[in-house]
């Protein structure tokens, strides 16, 4: 309900397709008022504290931009993937990028390679590119939750470094190469269990404007 109150938001993008900023489209005081009204449905202290936290976020434009930039949606839509060429026409060179798969933690650095999949006779209108990544981050899981514990390229990956995998398939319209669906998955291999997360983004209409 809080997100429904805050949306819609505006994405500001440069000519190269890089995300520059994210801003609210409603007046701050209107959003705060609507958030307060949600308390009528959830009178418990936990919900009240959460709503107060959301109110604090929308009052600070820099925090709004930071919070919304650090989402899987933005990394899948504006990530390095679109700027990496397929070196031999089917596979890209290995490169590195970050994805925020773990909620409320810093994005994880992955070693990634993209592969153009063979044409599907049953689905001639679509192009599929597969993306596979393995963790290449020297931080451990706990360190990802501390904003001052940044990735350091000079630090070696040790035994306690996070162990995880990233997988995604991007589906494009063959005629205009626009993205119409992204399916992705993440697995974290902990000491005692495996944590899995899934992501699906799909265009529901072709009636959009540029």
Protein backbone atom coordinates (compact mmCIF):
# COMPACT_ATOMS: atom_id res chain seq x y z
CA UNK A 1 0.00 0.00 0.00
CA UNK A 2 2.89 2.36 0.72
CA UNK A 3 4.39 1.74 -2.71
CA UNK A 4 1.02 2.35 -4.39
CA UNK A 5 0.89 5.71 -2.63
CA UNK A 6 4.39 6.69 -3.74
CA UNK A 7 4.02 5.65 -7.40
CA UNK A 8 4.21 6.75 -10.13
CA UNK A 9 7.85 7.85 -10.14
CA UNK A 10 9.84 9.47 -12.95
CA UNK A 11 13.07 8.03 -14.40
CA UNK A 12 15.60 10.52 -15.78
CA UNK A 13 17.89 8.93 -18.38
CA UNK A 14 20.73 10.37 -20.49
CA UNK A 15 21.04 9.86 -24.30
CA UNK A 16 23.29 6.82 -23.73
CA UNK A 17 20.54 5.08 -21.76
CA UNK A 18 22.18 5.50 -18.37
CA UNK A 19 19.90 6.14 -15.40
CA UNK A 20 20.67 9.59 -13.95
CA UNK A 21 18.00 10.14 -11.32
CA UNK A 22 14.63 9.00 -9.99
CA UNK A 23 12.14 11.55 -8.68
CA UNK A 24 8.63 11.54 -7.24
CA UNK A 25 5.80 12.86 -9.39
CA UNK A 26 3.40 13.65 -6.54
CA UNK A 27 3.74 16.44 -4.01
CA UNK A 28 5.57 15.32 -0.89
CA UNK A 29 2.87 16.58 1.45
CA UNK A 30 0.22 14.62 -0.47
CA UNK A 31 2.24 11.41 -0.21
CA UNK A 32 2.82 11.93 3.51
CA UNK A 33 -0.90 12.50 4.06
CA UNK A 34 -1.81 9.31 2.17
CA UNK A 35 0.79 7.33 4.10
CA UNK A 36 -0.72 8.54 7.37
CA UNK A 37 -4.14 7.33 6.23
CA UNK A 38 -2.75 3.78 5.84
CA UNK A 39 -2.27 3.66 9.62
CA UNK A 40 -6.05 3.37 9.92
CA UNK A 41 -5.80 -0.10 8.36
CA UNK A 42 -2.71 -1.21 10.31
CA UNK A 43 -2.79 0.17 13.86
CA UNK A 44 0.06 -1.99 15.22
CA UNK A 45 3.36 -0.41 16.25
CA UNK A 46 5.43 -2.28 13.67
CA UNK A 47 3.33 -0.93 10.78
CA UNK A 48 3.36 2.56 12.27
CA UNK A 49 7.16 2.52 12.53
CA UNK A 50 7.46 1.32 8.94
CA UNK A 51 5.15 4.06 7.66
CA UNK A 52 7.10 6.69 9.58
CA UNK A 53 10.26 5.36 7.95
CA UNK A 54 8.65 5.67 4.50
CA UNK A 55 7.59 9.23 5.30
CA UNK A 56 11.18 10.09 6.19
CA UNK A 57 12.38 8.68 2.86
CA UNK A 58 9.95 10.62 0.66
CA UNK A 59 10.92 13.88 2.38
CA UNK A 60 14.53 13.47 1.18
CA UNK A 61 14.95 13.51 -2.65
CA UNK A 62 18.49 12.07 -2.47
CA UNK A 63 17.32 9.11 -0.39
CA UNK A 64 14.38 8.54 -2.76
CA UNK A 65 16.76 8.39 -5.72
CA UNK A 66 19.20 6.10 -3.89
CA UNK A 67 16.51 3.68 -2.64
CA UNK A 68 14.78 3.31 -5.99
CA UNK A 69 18.02 3.05 -7.98
CA UNK A 70 19.12 0.09 -5.86
CA UNK A 71 16.38 -2.25 -7.15
CA UNK A 72 16.56 -5.30 -9.39
CA UNK A 73 14.28 -3.59 -11.92
CA UNK A 74 16.78 -0.79 -12.51
CA UNK A 75 19.78 -3.11 -12.71
CA UNK A 76 18.04 -5.31 -15.28
CA UNK A 77 16.82 -2.37 -17.37
CA UNK A 78 19.86 -0.07 -17.17
CA UNK A 79 22.74 -2.47 -16.42
CA UNK A 80 25.94 -3.11 -18.38
CA UNK A 81 24.22 -5.97 -20.22
CA UNK A 82 23.03 -3.64 -23.02
CA UNK A 83 26.49 -2.17 -23.59
CA UNK A 84 28.44 -5.44 -23.80
CA UNK A 85 29.06 -6.63 -27.41
CA UNK A 86 28.86 -10.26 -28.42
CA UNK A 87 32.52 -10.75 -29.36
CA UNK A 88 32.19 -13.77 -31.65
CA UNK A 89 28.53 -13.12 -32.54
CA UNK A 90 27.27 -15.67 -30.03
CA UNK A 91 29.09 -15.01 -26.73
CA UNK A 92 30.39 -11.91 -25.02
CA UNK A 93 33.69 -11.50 -23.26
CA UNK A 94 33.61 -11.99 -19.50
CA UNK A 95 32.74 -8.76 -17.66
CA UNK A 96 31.71 -7.65 -14.17
CA UNK A 97 28.50 -6.09 -12.91
CA UNK A 98 26.54 -5.71 -9.67
CA UNK A 99 23.01 -6.97 -8.86
CA UNK A 100 21.07 -6.31 -5.59
CA UNK A 101 19.58 -9.77 -5.16
CA UNK A 102 19.54 -9.67 -1.34
CA UNK A 103 16.93 -7.31 0.09
CA UNK A 104 18.23 -4.27 1.95
CA UNK A 105 21.87 -5.21 1.23
CA UNK A 106 24.45 -3.80 -1.16
CA UNK A 107 24.54 -5.19 -4.73
CA UNK A 108 26.73 -8.27 -5.24
CA UNK A 109 29.54 -8.24 -7.80
CA UNK A 110 29.34 -11.02 -10.41
CA UNK A 111 31.60 -12.31 -13.16
CA UNK A 112 29.24 -12.49 -16.13
CA UNK A 113 29.05 -13.74 -19.69
CA UNK A 114 26.19 -13.37 -22.18
CA UNK A 115 25.25 -15.89 -24.90
CA UNK A 116 22.95 -15.45 -27.89
CA UNK A 117 20.74 -18.54 -28.04
CA UNK A 118 19.94 -20.36 -31.28
CA UNK A 119 16.88 -19.24 -33.22
CA UNK A 120 13.71 -20.97 -32.08
CA UNK A 121 11.71 -22.23 -35.06
CA UNK A 122 8.51 -22.21 -32.98
CA UNK A 123 9.09 -18.62 -31.86
CA UNK A 124 10.53 -16.79 -34.84
CA UNK A 125 9.58 -13.31 -33.59
CA UNK A 126 11.84 -13.33 -30.53
CA UNK A 127 15.55 -13.16 -29.77
CA UNK A 128 16.87 -14.69 -26.53
CA UNK A 129 20.12 -13.81 -24.79
CA UNK A 130 21.20 -15.84 -21.78
CA UNK A 131 23.22 -14.29 -18.97
CA UNK A 132 25.20 -16.35 -16.45
CA UNK A 133 27.16 -15.02 -13.51
CA UNK A 134 29.13 -16.38 -10.59
CA UNK A 135 29.98 -14.34 -7.52
CA UNK A 136 33.19 -12.38 -7.74
CA UNK A 137 32.78 -10.41 -4.53
CA UNK A 138 35.29 -10.47 -1.68
CA UNK A 139 32.73 -9.42 0.94
CA UNK A 140 30.84 -11.90 3.09
CA UNK A 141 27.07 -11.90 3.50
CA UNK A 142 27.19 -9.83 6.68
CA UNK A 143 29.43 -7.22 5.05
CA UNK A 144 26.88 -6.59 2.29
CA UNK A 145 24.50 -5.11 4.87
CA UNK A 146 26.96 -2.37 5.91
CA UNK A 147 27.06 0.58 3.50
CA UNK A 148 30.59 1.54 4.54
CA UNK A 149 31.89 -1.95 3.65
CA UNK A 150 32.43 -1.36 -0.08
CA UNK A 151 33.75 -3.79 -2.66
CA UNK A 152 37.54 -3.47 -2.97
CA UNK A 153 39.05 -4.78 -6.18
CA UNK A 154 42.45 -5.09 -4.50
CA UNK A 155 41.17 -7.57 -1.90
CA UNK A 156 41.31 -11.27 -2.77
CA UNK A 157 38.25 -13.49 -2.59
CA UNK A 158 38.54 -15.64 0.55
CA UNK A 159 36.79 -18.62 2.10
CA UNK A 160 34.24 -16.39 3.84
CA UNK A 161 33.33 -14.45 0.68
CA UNK A 162 29.74 -14.78 -0.48
CA UNK A 163 29.11 -17.80 -2.70
CA UNK A 164 26.23 -17.35 -5.16
CA UNK A 165 25.08 -17.60 -8.77
CA UNK A 166 23.11 -15.33 -11.09
CA UNK A 167 21.14 -16.43 -14.14
CA UNK A 168 18.90 -14.47 -16.53
CA UNK A 169 17.28 -14.67 -19.95
CA UNK A 170 16.42 -11.52 -21.88
CA UNK A 171 13.71 -11.79 -24.55
CA UNK A 172 13.71 -9.23 -27.38
CA UNK A 173 11.36 -8.42 -30.22
CA UNK A 174 13.26 -9.50 -33.36
CA UNK A 175 11.91 -6.59 -35.43
CA UNK A 176 12.83 -3.62 -33.20
CA UNK A 177 14.99 -5.35 -30.53
CA UNK A 178 12.90 -3.93 -27.68
CA UNK A 179 12.87 -5.89 -24.43
CA UNK A 180 9.57 -7.57 -23.71
CA UNK A 181 10.48 -10.04 -20.96
CA UNK A 182 13.28 -10.80 -18.48
CA UNK A 183 13.36 -13.96 -16.38
CA UNK A 184 16.08 -14.30 -13.77
CA UNK A 185 17.14 -16.35 -10.79
CA UNK A 186 19.63 -16.18 -7.93
CA UNK A 187 21.06 -18.83 -5.63
CA UNK A 188 23.06 -18.22 -2.48
CA UNK A 189 24.97 -21.18 -1.04
CA UNK A 190 25.13 -20.68 2.72
CA UNK A 191 26.70 -22.91 5.34
CA UNK A 192 23.51 -24.86 5.99
CA UNK A 193 21.02 -23.98 3.28
CA UNK A 194 20.51 -22.66 -0.24
CA UNK A 195 18.57 -19.43 -0.69
CA UNK A 196 16.83 -18.86 -4.02
CA UNK A 197 15.19 -15.76 -5.44
CA UNK A 198 13.33 -15.36 -8.75
CA UNK A 199 12.62 -12.27 -10.84
CA UNK A 200 10.16 -11.77 -13.71
CA UNK A 201 9.60 -8.58 -15.68
CA UNK A 202 7.23 -8.67 -18.64
CA UNK A 203 5.72 -6.01 -20.87
CA UNK A 204 1.94 -6.32 -20.80
CA UNK A 205 1.25 -4.03 -23.78
CA UNK A 206 3.01 -2.73 -26.88
CA UNK A 207 1.09 0.56 -26.69
CA UNK A 208 3.86 2.69 -25.22
CA UNK A 209 5.46 5.97 -26.23
CA UNK A 210 9.07 7.10 -26.43
